C-alpha atoms as a PDB file:
ATOM      1  CA  MET A   1      18.534 -26.971  15.263  1.00  0.00           C
ATOM      2  CA  SER A   2      21.989 -25.614  14.456  1.00  0.00           C
ATOM      3  CA  GLN A   3      24.493 -25.034  17.109  1.00  0.00           C
ATOM      4  CA  ASN A   4      24.437 -21.329  16.573  1.00  0.00           C
ATOM      5  CA  GLN A   5      20.704 -21.296  17.096  1.00  0.00           C
ATOM      6  CA  GLN A   6      21.114 -23.311  20.215  1.00  0.00           C
ATOM      7  CA  GLN A   7      23.697 -20.883  21.532  1.00  0.00           C
ATOM      8  CA  LEU A   8      21.414 -17.887  20.901  1.00  0.00           C
ATOM      9  CA  LEU A   9      18.604 -19.411  22.589  1.00  0.00           C
ATOM     10  CA  SER A  10      20.640 -19.746  25.651  1.00  0.00           C
ATOM     11  CA  GLU A  11      22.353 -16.494  25.536  1.00  0.00           C
ATOM     12  CA  LEU A  12      19.456 -14.210  24.643  1.00  0.00           C
ATOM     13  CA  VAL A  13      16.843 -13.971  27.300  1.00  0.00           C
ATOM     14  CA  THR A  14      14.559 -10.943  27.341  1.00  0.00           C
ATOM     15  CA  ILE A  15      12.597  -9.018  24.735  1.00  0.00           C
ATOM     16  CA  ARG A  16      15.301  -6.267  24.998  1.00  0.00           C
ATOM     17  CA  ASP A  17      17.950  -8.922  24.237  1.00  0.00           C
ATOM     18  CA  PHE A  18      16.338  -9.883  20.937  1.00  0.00           C
ATOM     19  CA  VAL A  19      15.592  -6.445  19.956  1.00  0.00           C
ATOM     20  CA  ARG A  20      19.192  -5.519  20.181  1.00  0.00           C
ATOM     21  CA  TYR A  21      20.184  -8.864  18.365  1.00  0.00           C
ATOM     22  CA  ALA A  22      17.669  -8.032  15.557  1.00  0.00           C
ATOM     23  CA  LEU A  23      18.992  -4.443  15.254  1.00  0.00           C
ATOM     24  CA  SER A  24      22.653  -5.851  14.865  1.00  0.00           C
ATOM     25  CA  ARG A  25      21.481  -8.403  12.278  1.00  0.00           C
ATOM     26  CA  PHE A  26      19.558  -5.695  10.168  1.00  0.00           C
ATOM     27  CA  ASN A  27      22.558  -3.327  10.343  1.00  0.00           C
ATOM     28  CA  GLN A  28      24.914  -6.236   9.401  1.00  0.00           C
ATOM     29  CA  GLN A  29      22.727  -7.113   6.454  1.00  0.00           C
ATOM     30  CA  GLN A  30      22.190  -3.455   5.374  1.00  0.00           C
ATOM     31  CA  LEU A  31      18.669  -3.900   4.843  1.00  0.00           C
ATOM     32  CA  PHE A  32      16.223  -1.407   3.101  1.00  0.00           C
ATOM     33  CA  TYR A  33      13.365   0.157   4.992  1.00  0.00           C
ATOM     34  CA  GLY A  34      10.365   1.301   2.957  1.00  0.00           C
ATOM     35  CA  HIS A  35       7.431  -0.884   3.949  1.00  0.00           C
ATOM     36  CA  GLY A  36       6.176   0.734   7.179  1.00  0.00           C
ATOM     37  CA  THR A  37       9.306   1.857   8.883  1.00  0.00           C
ATOM     38  CA  ASP A  38      12.317   3.831   7.824  1.00  0.00           C
ATOM     39  CA  ASN A  39      15.079   2.769  10.208  1.00  0.00           C
ATOM     40  CA  ALA A  40      16.418  -0.517  11.642  1.00  0.00           C
ATOM     41  CA  TRP A  41      15.462   0.250  15.364  1.00  0.00           C
ATOM     42  CA  ASP A  42      11.711   0.667  14.696  1.00  0.00           C
ATOM     43  CA  GLU A  43      11.835  -2.411  12.380  1.00  0.00           C
ATOM     44  CA  ALA A  44      13.577  -4.497  15.108  1.00  0.00           C
ATOM     45  CA  VAL A  45      11.187  -3.347  17.818  1.00  0.00           C
ATOM     46  CA  GLN A  46       7.979  -4.044  15.722  1.00  0.00           C
ATOM     47  CA  LEU A  47       9.378  -7.390  14.593  1.00  0.00           C
ATOM     48  CA  VAL A  48      10.128  -8.782  17.955  1.00  0.00           C
ATOM     49  CA  LEU A  49       6.986  -7.464  19.575  1.00  0.00           C
ATOM     50  CA  ASN A  50       4.856  -8.989  16.900  1.00  0.00           C
ATOM     51  CA  ALA A  51       6.491 -12.232  17.157  1.00  0.00           C
ATOM     52  CA  VAL A  52       5.462 -12.549  20.789  1.00  0.00           C
ATOM     53  CA  TYR A  53       1.912 -11.136  20.093  1.00  0.00           C
ATOM     54  CA  LEU A  54       2.387  -7.808  21.760  1.00  0.00           C
ATOM     55  CA  PRO A  55       1.317  -4.488  20.276  1.00  0.00           C
ATOM     56  CA  TRP A  56       3.778  -1.940  19.052  1.00  0.00           C
ATOM     57  CA  ASP A  57       3.078   0.321  21.921  1.00  0.00           C
ATOM     58  CA  THR A  58       3.771  -2.137  24.734  1.00  0.00           C
ATOM     59  CA  ASP A  59       4.841  -0.755  28.022  1.00  0.00           C
ATOM     60  CA  LYS A  60       8.554  -0.370  27.940  1.00  0.00           C
ATOM     61  CA  GLN A  61       8.958  -2.266  31.162  1.00  0.00           C
ATOM     62  CA  LEU A  62       8.050  -5.344  29.404  1.00  0.00           C
ATOM     63  CA  LEU A  63      11.056  -5.196  27.306  1.00  0.00           C
ATOM     64  CA  ASP A  64      12.986  -6.838  30.272  1.00  0.00           C
ATOM     65  CA  ALA A  65      10.400  -9.804  30.374  1.00  0.00           C
ATOM     66  CA  ARG A  66      11.922 -13.234  29.809  1.00  0.00           C
ATOM     67  CA  LEU A  67      10.797 -15.229  26.798  1.00  0.00           C
ATOM     68  CA  THR A  68       9.934 -18.926  26.650  1.00  0.00           C
ATOM     69  CA  THR A  69      11.883 -21.111  24.362  1.00  0.00           C
ATOM     70  CA  ALA A  70       8.928 -21.232  21.862  1.00  0.00           C
ATOM     71  CA  GLU A  71       8.871 -17.547  21.710  1.00  0.00           C
ATOM     72  CA  LYS A  72      12.533 -17.279  21.295  1.00  0.00           C
ATOM     73  CA  GLU A  73      12.334 -19.699  18.379  1.00  0.00           C
ATOM     74  CA  ARG A  74       9.481 -17.676  16.779  1.00  0.00           C
ATOM     75  CA  VAL A  75      11.541 -14.366  17.185  1.00  0.00           C
ATOM     76  CA  LEU A  76      14.584 -15.948  15.579  1.00  0.00           C
ATOM     77  CA  GLU A  77      12.512 -17.305  12.619  1.00  0.00           C
ATOM     78  CA  PHE A  78      11.113 -13.824  12.134  1.00  0.00           C
ATOM     79  CA  ILE A  79      14.614 -12.291  12.138  1.00  0.00           C
ATOM     80  CA  SER A  80      15.906 -14.763   9.830  1.00  0.00           C
ATOM     81  CA  LYS A  81      13.124 -14.108   7.362  1.00  0.00           C
ATOM     82  CA  ARG A  82      13.911 -10.385   7.440  1.00  0.00           C
ATOM     83  CA  ALA A  83      17.627 -10.412   7.588  1.00  0.00           C
ATOM     84  CA  ASP A  84      18.465 -13.334   5.407  1.00  0.00           C
ATOM     85  CA  ASP A  85      15.513 -13.614   2.973  1.00  0.00           C
ATOM     86  CA  ARG A  86      14.927  -9.699   3.066  1.00  0.00           C
ATOM     87  CA  LEU A  87      11.309 -10.283   3.433  1.00  0.00           C
ATOM     88  CA  PRO A  88       9.425  -7.025   4.108  1.00  0.00           C
ATOM     89  CA  LEU A  89       8.241  -6.803   7.725  1.00  0.00           C
ATOM     90  CA  PRO A  90       4.541  -6.746   6.851  1.00  0.00           C
ATOM     91  CA  TYR A  91       4.837  -9.973   4.963  1.00  0.00           C
ATOM     92  CA  ILE A  92       6.264 -11.493   7.985  1.00  0.00           C
ATOM     93  CA  THR A  93       3.730 -10.281  10.402  1.00  0.00           C
ATOM     94  CA  GLY A  94       0.683 -10.377   7.985  1.00  0.00           C
ATOM     95  CA  GLU A  95      -0.345  -6.937   8.863  1.00  0.00           C
ATOM     96  CA  ALA A  96       0.278  -3.359   7.451  1.00  0.00           C
ATOM     97  CA  TRP A  97      -1.144  -0.168   8.738  1.00  0.00           C
ATOM     98  CA  TYR A  98      -2.746   2.547   6.407  1.00  0.00           C
ATOM     99  CA  LEU A  99      -4.686   5.536   7.467  1.00  0.00           C
ATOM    100  CA  ASP A 100      -4.123   4.281  11.007  1.00  0.00           C
ATOM    101  CA  LEU A 101      -6.144   1.177  10.162  1.00  0.00           C
ATOM    102  CA  PRO A 102      -4.786  -2.377  10.150  1.00  0.00           C
ATOM    103  CA  PHE A 103      -4.815  -4.428   6.883  1.00  0.00           C
ATOM    104  CA  PHE A 104      -4.077  -8.034   6.158  1.00  0.00           C
ATOM    105  CA  VAL A 105      -1.196  -8.461   3.582  1.00  0.00           C
ATOM    106  CA  ASP A 106       0.808 -11.122   2.076  1.00  0.00           C
ATOM    107  CA  GLU A 107       2.953 -11.574  -1.002  1.00  0.00           C
ATOM    108  CA  ARG A 108      -0.250 -11.510  -3.322  1.00  0.00           C
ATOM    109  CA  VAL A 109      -0.543  -7.699  -2.919  1.00  0.00           C
ATOM    110  CA  LEU A 110       1.645  -4.647  -2.594  1.00  0.00           C
ATOM    111  CA  ILE A 111       2.347  -3.509   1.006  1.00  0.00           C
ATOM    112  CA  PRO A 112       0.057  -0.239   1.610  1.00  0.00           C
ATOM    113  CA  ARG A 113       2.130   2.856   1.517  1.00  0.00           C
ATOM    114  CA  SER A 114       0.537   5.238  -0.916  1.00  0.00           C
ATOM    115  CA  PRO A 115       0.737   9.010  -0.152  1.00  0.00           C
ATOM    116  CA  ILE A 116      -2.891   9.037  -1.374  1.00  0.00           C
ATOM    117  CA  ALA A 117      -3.709   8.587   2.308  1.00  0.00           C
ATOM    118  CA  GLN A 118      -2.794  12.154   3.085  1.00  0.00           C
ATOM    119  CA  LEU A 119      -5.618  13.262   0.549  1.00  0.00           C
ATOM    120  CA  THR A 120      -7.928  10.890   1.928  1.00  0.00           C
ATOM    121  CA  ARG A 121      -7.781  12.179   5.465  1.00  0.00           C
ATOM    122  CA  GLU A 122      -8.705  15.673   4.033  1.00  0.00           C
ATOM    123  CA  GLU A 123     -11.664  14.064   2.217  1.00  0.00           C
ATOM    124  CA  PHE A 124      -9.757  15.163  -1.000  1.00  0.00           C
ATOM    125  CA  ALA A 125     -10.381  18.826  -0.265  1.00  0.00           C
ATOM    126  CA  PRO A 126     -10.126  21.249  -2.012  1.00  0.00           C
ATOM    127  CA  TRP A 127     -10.215  19.384  -5.275  1.00  0.00           C
ATOM    128  CA  LEU A 128     -13.430  17.094  -4.705  1.00  0.00           C
ATOM    129  CA  ARG A 129     -16.480  19.216  -5.074  1.00  0.00           C
ATOM    130  CA  GLU A 130     -18.611  19.985  -1.944  1.00  0.00           C
ATOM    131  CA  GLY A 131     -21.493  17.795  -1.068  1.00  0.00           C
ATOM    132  CA  ALA A 132     -22.411  14.054  -0.495  1.00  0.00           C
ATOM    133  CA  VAL A 133     -20.208  11.486  -2.010  1.00  0.00           C
ATOM    134  CA  ASN A 134     -22.345   8.525  -3.105  1.00  0.00           C
ATOM    135  CA  ARG A 135     -20.071   6.328  -5.086  1.00  0.00           C
ATOM    136  CA  VAL A 136     -16.224   5.719  -5.007  1.00  0.00           C
ATOM    137  CA  LEU A 137     -14.067   3.553  -7.181  1.00  0.00           C
ATOM    138  CA  ASP A 138     -10.686   2.197  -6.031  1.00  0.00           C
ATOM    139  CA  LEU A 139      -9.081   1.151  -9.326  1.00  0.00           C
ATOM    140  CA  CYS A 140      -6.158  -1.499  -9.039  1.00  0.00           C
ATOM    141  CA  THR A 141      -7.149  -2.001  -5.372  1.00  0.00           C
ATOM    142  CA  GLY A 142      -4.655  -4.576  -4.347  1.00  0.00           C
ATOM    143  CA  SER A 143      -5.249  -5.099  -0.532  1.00  0.00           C
ATOM    144  CA  GLY A 144      -8.321  -2.764  -0.737  1.00  0.00           C
ATOM    145  CA  CYS A 145      -6.708  -0.359   1.759  1.00  0.00           C
ATOM    146  CA  ILE A 146      -7.316   2.830  -0.392  1.00  0.00           C
ATOM    147  CA  GLY A 147     -11.091   1.941  -1.049  1.00  0.00           C
ATOM    148  CA  ILE A 148     -11.699   0.823   2.526  1.00  0.00           C
ATOM    149  CA  GLY A 149     -10.093   3.881   3.775  1.00  0.00           C
ATOM    150  CA  CYS A 150     -12.464   5.911   1.541  1.00  0.00           C
ATOM    151  CA  ALA A 151     -15.399   4.049   3.015  1.00  0.00           C
ATOM    152  CA  TYR A 152     -14.348   5.326   6.406  1.00  0.00           C
ATOM    153  CA  VAL A 153     -13.954   8.826   5.402  1.00  0.00           C
ATOM    154  CA  PHE A 154     -17.318   8.967   3.350  1.00  0.00           C
ATOM    155  CA  PRO A 155     -19.638   6.883   5.603  1.00  0.00           C
ATOM    156  CA  GLY A 156     -22.580   7.364   3.243  1.00  0.00           C
ATOM    157  CA  ALA A 157     -20.798   6.112   0.109  1.00  0.00           C
ATOM    158  CA  GLU A 158     -20.743   2.833  -1.595  1.00  0.00           C
ATOM    159  CA  VAL A 159     -17.261   1.816  -2.626  1.00  0.00           C
ATOM    160  CA  ASP A 160     -16.197  -0.521  -5.480  1.00  0.00           C
ATOM    161  CA  LEU A 161     -12.811  -2.211  -5.575  1.00  0.00           C
ATOM    162  CA  VAL A 162     -11.351  -3.434  -8.801  1.00  0.00           C
ATOM    163  CA  ASP A 163      -8.213  -5.398  -9.750  1.00  0.00           C
ATOM    164  CA  ILE A 164      -7.319  -7.741 -12.532  1.00  0.00           C
ATOM    165  CA  SER A 165      -5.564 -10.013 -10.014  1.00  0.00           C
ATOM    166  CA  THR A 166      -7.830 -12.626  -8.504  1.00  0.00           C
ATOM    167  CA  ASP A 167      -5.284 -13.220  -5.707  1.00  0.00           C
ATOM    168  CA  ALA A 168      -5.293  -9.559  -4.871  1.00  0.00           C
ATOM    169  CA  LEU A 169      -9.049  -9.670  -4.733  1.00  0.00           C
ATOM    170  CA  ASP A 170      -8.890 -12.584  -2.289  1.00  0.00           C
ATOM    171  CA  VAL A 171      -6.754 -10.375   0.057  1.00  0.00           C
ATOM    172  CA  ALA A 172      -9.246  -7.463  -0.500  1.00  0.00           C
ATOM    173  CA  ALA A 173     -12.128  -9.662   0.484  1.00  0.00           C
ATOM    174  CA  ILE A 174     -10.323 -10.590   3.792  1.00  0.00           C
ATOM    175  CA  ASN A 175      -9.948  -6.819   4.468  1.00  0.00           C
ATOM    176  CA  ILE A 176     -13.437  -6.023   3.593  1.00  0.00           C
ATOM    177  CA  ALA A 177     -14.575  -8.602   6.187  1.00  0.00           C
ATOM    178  CA  LYS A 178     -11.933  -7.598   8.643  1.00  0.00           C
ATOM    179  CA  HIS A 179     -13.420  -3.968   8.613  1.00  0.00           C
ATOM    180  CA  GLN A 180     -16.935  -5.230   8.475  1.00  0.00           C
ATOM    181  CA  MET A 181     -17.624  -3.405   5.353  1.00  0.00           C
ATOM    182  CA  GLU A 182     -19.663  -5.991   3.466  1.00  0.00           C
ATOM    183  CA  ASP A 183     -22.692  -3.770   3.184  1.00  0.00           C
ATOM    184  CA  ARG A 184     -20.885  -0.946   1.560  1.00  0.00           C
ATOM    185  CA  VAL A 185     -17.718  -2.244  -0.178  1.00  0.00           C
ATOM    186  CA  THR A 186     -17.849  -4.571  -3.108  1.00  0.00           C
ATOM    187  CA  ALA A 187     -14.885  -6.085  -5.011  1.00  0.00           C
ATOM    188  CA  TYR A 188     -14.790  -6.735  -8.808  1.00  0.00           C
ATOM    189  CA  HIS A 189     -12.571  -8.819 -10.954  1.00  0.00           C
ATOM    190  CA  SER A 190     -11.980  -6.490 -13.803  1.00  0.00           C
ATOM    191  CA  ASP A 191      -9.336  -5.216 -16.391  1.00  0.00           C
ATOM    192  CA  LEU A 192      -9.687  -1.568 -15.267  1.00  0.00           C
ATOM    193  CA  PHE A 193     -13.278  -0.537 -16.052  1.00  0.00           C
ATOM    194  CA  GLY A 194     -14.165  -3.635 -18.014  1.00  0.00           C
ATOM    195  CA  ALA A 195     -16.687  -4.962 -15.711  1.00  0.00           C
ATOM    196  CA  LEU A 196     -18.216  -1.699 -14.615  1.00  0.00           C
ATOM    197  CA  SER A 197     -20.391  -0.876 -17.587  1.00  0.00           C
ATOM    198  CA  GLY A 198     -23.080   1.677 -16.860  1.00  0.00           C
ATOM    199  CA  LYS A 199     -21.552   2.707 -13.399  1.00  0.00           C
ATOM    200  CA  ARG A 200     -20.662   6.352 -12.550  1.00  0.00           C
ATOM    201  CA  TYR A 201     -18.419   7.543  -9.587  1.00  0.00           C
ATOM    202  CA  ASP A 202     -18.093  10.841  -7.747  1.00  0.00           C
ATOM    203  CA  LEU A 203     -14.491   9.942  -7.008  1.00  0.00           C
ATOM    204  CA  ILE A 204     -12.185   7.437  -8.820  1.00  0.00           C
ATOM    205  CA  VAL A 205      -8.902   6.799  -6.954  1.00  0.00           C
ATOM    206  CA  SER A 206      -6.112   4.690  -8.389  1.00  0.00           C
ATOM    207  CA  ASN A 207      -2.641   3.633  -7.305  1.00  0.00           C
ATOM    208  CA  PRO A 208      -1.981   1.589 -10.482  1.00  0.00           C
ATOM    209  CA  PRO A 209       1.182  -0.120 -11.419  1.00  0.00           C
ATOM    210  CA  TYR A 210       3.682   2.605 -12.533  1.00  0.00           C
ATOM    211  CA  VAL A 211       7.186   1.620 -11.908  1.00  0.00           C
ATOM    212  CA  ASP A 212       9.245   1.969 -15.160  1.00  0.00           C
ATOM    213  CA  ARG A 213      11.588  -0.740 -16.496  1.00  0.00           C
ATOM    214  CA  HIS A 214      14.735   0.882 -15.188  1.00  0.00           C
ATOM    215  CA  ASP A 215      13.525   1.728 -11.714  1.00  0.00           C
ATOM    216  CA  PHE A 216      12.128  -1.893 -11.294  1.00  0.00           C
ATOM    217  CA  GLU A 217      15.369  -3.381 -12.176  1.00  0.00           C
ATOM    218  CA  THR A 218      17.410  -1.340  -9.669  1.00  0.00           C
ATOM    219  CA  MET A 219      14.973  -1.539  -6.707  1.00  0.00           C
ATOM    220  CA  PRO A 220      16.221  -3.041  -3.392  1.00  0.00           C
ATOM    221  CA  GLU A 221      15.713  -6.783  -2.957  1.00  0.00           C
ATOM    222  CA  GLU A 222      12.879  -6.201  -0.638  1.00  0.00           C
ATOM    223  CA  TYR A 223      10.606  -5.047  -3.544  1.00  0.00           C
ATOM    224  CA  GLN A 224      11.298  -8.252  -5.366  1.00  0.00           C
ATOM    225  CA  HIS A 225       8.881 -10.066  -2.913  1.00  0.00           C
ATOM    226  CA  GLU A 226       6.015  -7.861  -4.148  1.00  0.00           C
ATOM    227  CA  PRO A 227       4.078  -8.900  -7.200  1.00  0.00           C
ATOM    228  CA  GLU A 228       5.632  -7.390 -10.439  1.00  0.00           C
ATOM    229  CA  LEU A 229       2.073  -7.338 -11.830  1.00  0.00           C
ATOM    230  CA  ALA A 230       1.246  -4.681  -9.211  1.00  0.00           C
ATOM    231  CA  LEU A 231       4.599  -2.739  -9.825  1.00  0.00           C
ATOM    232  CA  THR A 232       5.357  -2.541 -13.545  1.00  0.00           C
ATOM    233  CA  SER A 233       3.481  -0.902 -16.419  1.00  0.00           C
ATOM    234  CA  GLY A 234       5.718  -0.899 -19.551  1.00  0.00           C
ATOM    235  CA  ASP A 235       9.019   0.652 -20.262  1.00  0.00           C
ATOM    236  CA  ASP A 236       7.945   4.062 -18.960  1.00  0.00           C
ATOM    237  CA  GLY A 237       5.586   2.931 -16.233  1.00  0.00           C
ATOM    238  CA  LEU A 238       2.540   4.458 -17.781  1.00  0.00           C
ATOM    239  CA  ASP A 239       0.806   1.917 -20.009  1.00  0.00           C
ATOM    240  CA  ILE A 240      -2.185   1.469 -17.450  1.00  0.00           C
ATOM    241  CA  THR A 241      -2.248   5.096 -16.474  1.00  0.00           C
ATOM    242  CA  ARG A 242      -2.782   6.188 -20.036  1.00  0.00           C
ATOM    243  CA  ARG A 243      -5.605   3.797 -20.248  1.00  0.00           C
ATOM    244  CA  ILE A 244      -7.032   5.194 -17.150  1.00  0.00           C
ATOM    245  CA  LEU A 245      -6.876   8.728 -18.627  1.00  0.00           C
ATOM    246  CA  ARG A 246      -8.443   7.722 -21.728  1.00  0.00           C
ATOM    247  CA  GLU A 247     -11.358   5.887 -20.159  1.00  0.00           C
ATOM    248  CA  ALA A 248     -12.109   7.324 -16.762  1.00  0.00           C
ATOM    249  CA  ASN A 249     -14.409  10.114 -17.976  1.00  0.00           C
ATOM    250  CA  ASP A 250     -16.955   7.378 -19.072  1.00  0.00           C
ATOM    251  CA  TYR A 251     -17.327   6.398 -15.452  1.00  0.00           C
ATOM    252  CA  LEU A 252     -17.087   9.689 -13.636  1.00  0.00           C
ATOM    253  CA  THR A 253     -20.064  11.830 -12.732  1.00  0.00           C
ATOM    254  CA  GLU A 254     -20.096  15.345 -14.538  1.00  0.00           C
ATOM    255  CA  ASP A 255     -18.581  17.026 -11.346  1.00  0.00           C
ATOM    256  CA  GLY A 256     -16.488  13.845 -10.395  1.00  0.00           C
ATOM    257  CA  LEU A 257     -12.694  13.721  -9.655  1.00  0.00           C
ATOM    258  CA  LEU A 258      -9.925  11.402 -10.654  1.00  0.00           C
ATOM    259  CA  VAL A 259      -6.989  10.961  -8.339  1.00  0.00           C
ATOM    260  CA  VAL A 260      -4.058   8.832  -9.525  1.00  0.00           C
ATOM    261  CA  GLU A 261      -0.529   8.142  -8.114  1.00  0.00           C
ATOM    262  CA  VAL A 262       2.341   7.613 -10.540  1.00  0.00           C
ATOM    263  CA  GLY A 263       5.356   7.963  -8.381  1.00  0.00           C
ATOM    264  CA  ASN A 264       8.443   8.763 -10.282  1.00  0.00           C
ATOM    265  CA  SER A 265       6.794   8.233 -13.538  1.00  0.00           C
ATOM    266  CA  GLU A 266       5.303  11.665 -13.050  1.00  0.00           C
ATOM    267  CA  VAL A 267       8.304  13.011 -15.156  1.00  0.00           C
ATOM    268  CA  HIS A 268       7.347  10.774 -18.107  1.00  0.00           C
ATOM    269  CA  LEU A 269       3.632  11.712 -17.728  1.00  0.00           C
ATOM    270  CA  MET A 270       4.446  15.485 -17.842  1.00  0.00           C
ATOM    271  CA  GLU A 271       6.714  15.108 -20.825  1.00  0.00           C
ATOM    272  CA  GLN A 272       4.086  13.174 -22.886  1.00  0.00           C
ATOM    273  CA  PHE A 273       1.020  15.160 -21.908  1.00  0.00           C
ATOM    274  CA  PRO A 274       2.081  18.831 -21.026  1.00  0.00           C
ATOM    275  CA  GLN A 275      -1.139  20.094 -22.405  1.00  0.00           C
ATOM    276  CA  ILE A 276      -3.383  18.148 -19.887  1.00  0.00           C
ATOM    277  CA  PRO A 277      -4.118  20.235 -16.832  1.00  0.00           C
ATOM    278  CA  LEU A 278      -3.040  17.746 -14.260  1.00  0.00           C
ATOM    279  CA  ILE A 279      -2.726  19.169 -10.694  1.00  0.00           C
ATOM    280  CA  TRP A 280       0.345  17.664  -8.941  1.00  0.00           C
ATOM    281  CA  VAL A 281      -0.509  17.718  -5.424  1.00  0.00           C
ATOM    282  CA  GLU A 282       2.088  18.916  -2.842  1.00  0.00           C
ATOM    283  CA  LEU A 283       2.386  16.148  -0.127  1.00  0.00           C
ATOM    284  CA  ASP A 284       3.299  17.691   3.280  1.00  0.00           C
ATOM    285  CA  GLU A 285       4.103  14.312   4.651  1.00  0.00           C
ATOM    286  CA  GLY A 286       6.380  13.188   1.838  1.00  0.00           C
ATOM    287  CA  GLY A 287       5.775  11.343  -1.370  1.00  0.00           C
ATOM    288  CA  ASN A 288       5.371  12.374  -4.887  1.00  0.00           C
ATOM    289  CA  GLY A 289       3.613  11.697  -8.070  1.00  0.00           C
ATOM    290  CA  VAL A 290      -0.007  12.159  -7.176  1.00  0.00           C
ATOM    291  CA  PHE A 291      -2.261  14.082  -9.601  1.00  0.00           C
ATOM    292  CA  VAL A 292      -5.929  15.072  -9.704  1.00  0.00           C
ATOM    293  CA  ILE A 293      -8.042  16.118 -12.545  1.00  0.00           C
ATOM    294  CA  THR A 294     -11.835  16.841 -12.700  1.00  0.00           C
ATOM    295  CA  ALA A 295     -14.213  15.219 -14.985  1.00  0.00           C
ATOM    296  CA  GLN A 296     -14.785  18.306 -16.989  1.00  0.00           C
ATOM    297  CA  GLU A 297     -11.052  18.999 -17.560  1.00  0.00           C
ATOM    298  CA  LEU A 298     -10.444  15.351 -18.604  1.00  0.00           C
ATOM    299  CA  ALA A 299     -13.411  15.517 -21.010  1.00  0.00           C
ATOM    300  CA  GLN A 300     -12.103  18.602 -22.767  1.00  0.00           C
ATOM    301  CA  HIS A 301      -8.507  16.837 -23.381  1.00  0.00           C
ATOM    302  CA  ARG A 302      -9.645  13.154 -23.893  1.00  0.00           C
ATOM    303  CA  ASP A 303      -8.937  13.347 -27.616  1.00  0.00           C
ATOM    304  CA  GLU A 304      -5.378  14.393 -26.918  1.00  0.00           C
ATOM    305  CA  ILE A 305      -4.396  11.180 -24.793  1.00  0.00           C
END
């Protein structure tokens, strides 16, 4: 143990002390916030509380509680990972929240943050046709958060999760079990639709890799901890999205809906396919680059993609 750490263990006493210290370290290192929080204060509070196994909404009176030496050491370890290694907070705690639901995450998957959550809460209205939703596909599922979220929203639906990464599927399996969805949610190892022959879905949702080369090379250091396979997709970020647009119609029901997030690469997509009637969703809670298109519209333009 370094002399500096020994001094910190003696000088910092309460939860509040460690939150203040974490806040100072984060500001000193000029960290980037984009993986669950958007400011240093919330990040510091969540990190310290999680390190001592307390929920984020802990009674504020507990902030003046004294910590044991073992708890102090754990908090300092968490602070070092965040401030020195620039590891995103959810990778340190092993948990991220999506649709107000907890999901296990580690560096095998992207940290859940897709604005598709806003559409999911509204059951994809008004774009998804009315009536029962029987089958949903979450393509490029990663942690499984989008598909599992759909399983909550559509309690009568069977949901398939697909990813090319076996590491990601291992994480998705953990989350399927965590949410006790084994009877309705199934994970498939597949290069997009390759393992889904004969299947049809009322709703296909995808947050595929879409970061273009320039954006990837200029992203904050925190993003470098996420798997590149789940972030990048060619120079313009659209290699996988073009495949989805070409192939999705073979796996949608006649009145099905395709929903895809492409983030900042929406500019490239609009330039390349101005004739495709993609509807770009206005996201009231922030975010951009989510489009929807019906199976019928997609079928009319499939030869143009």
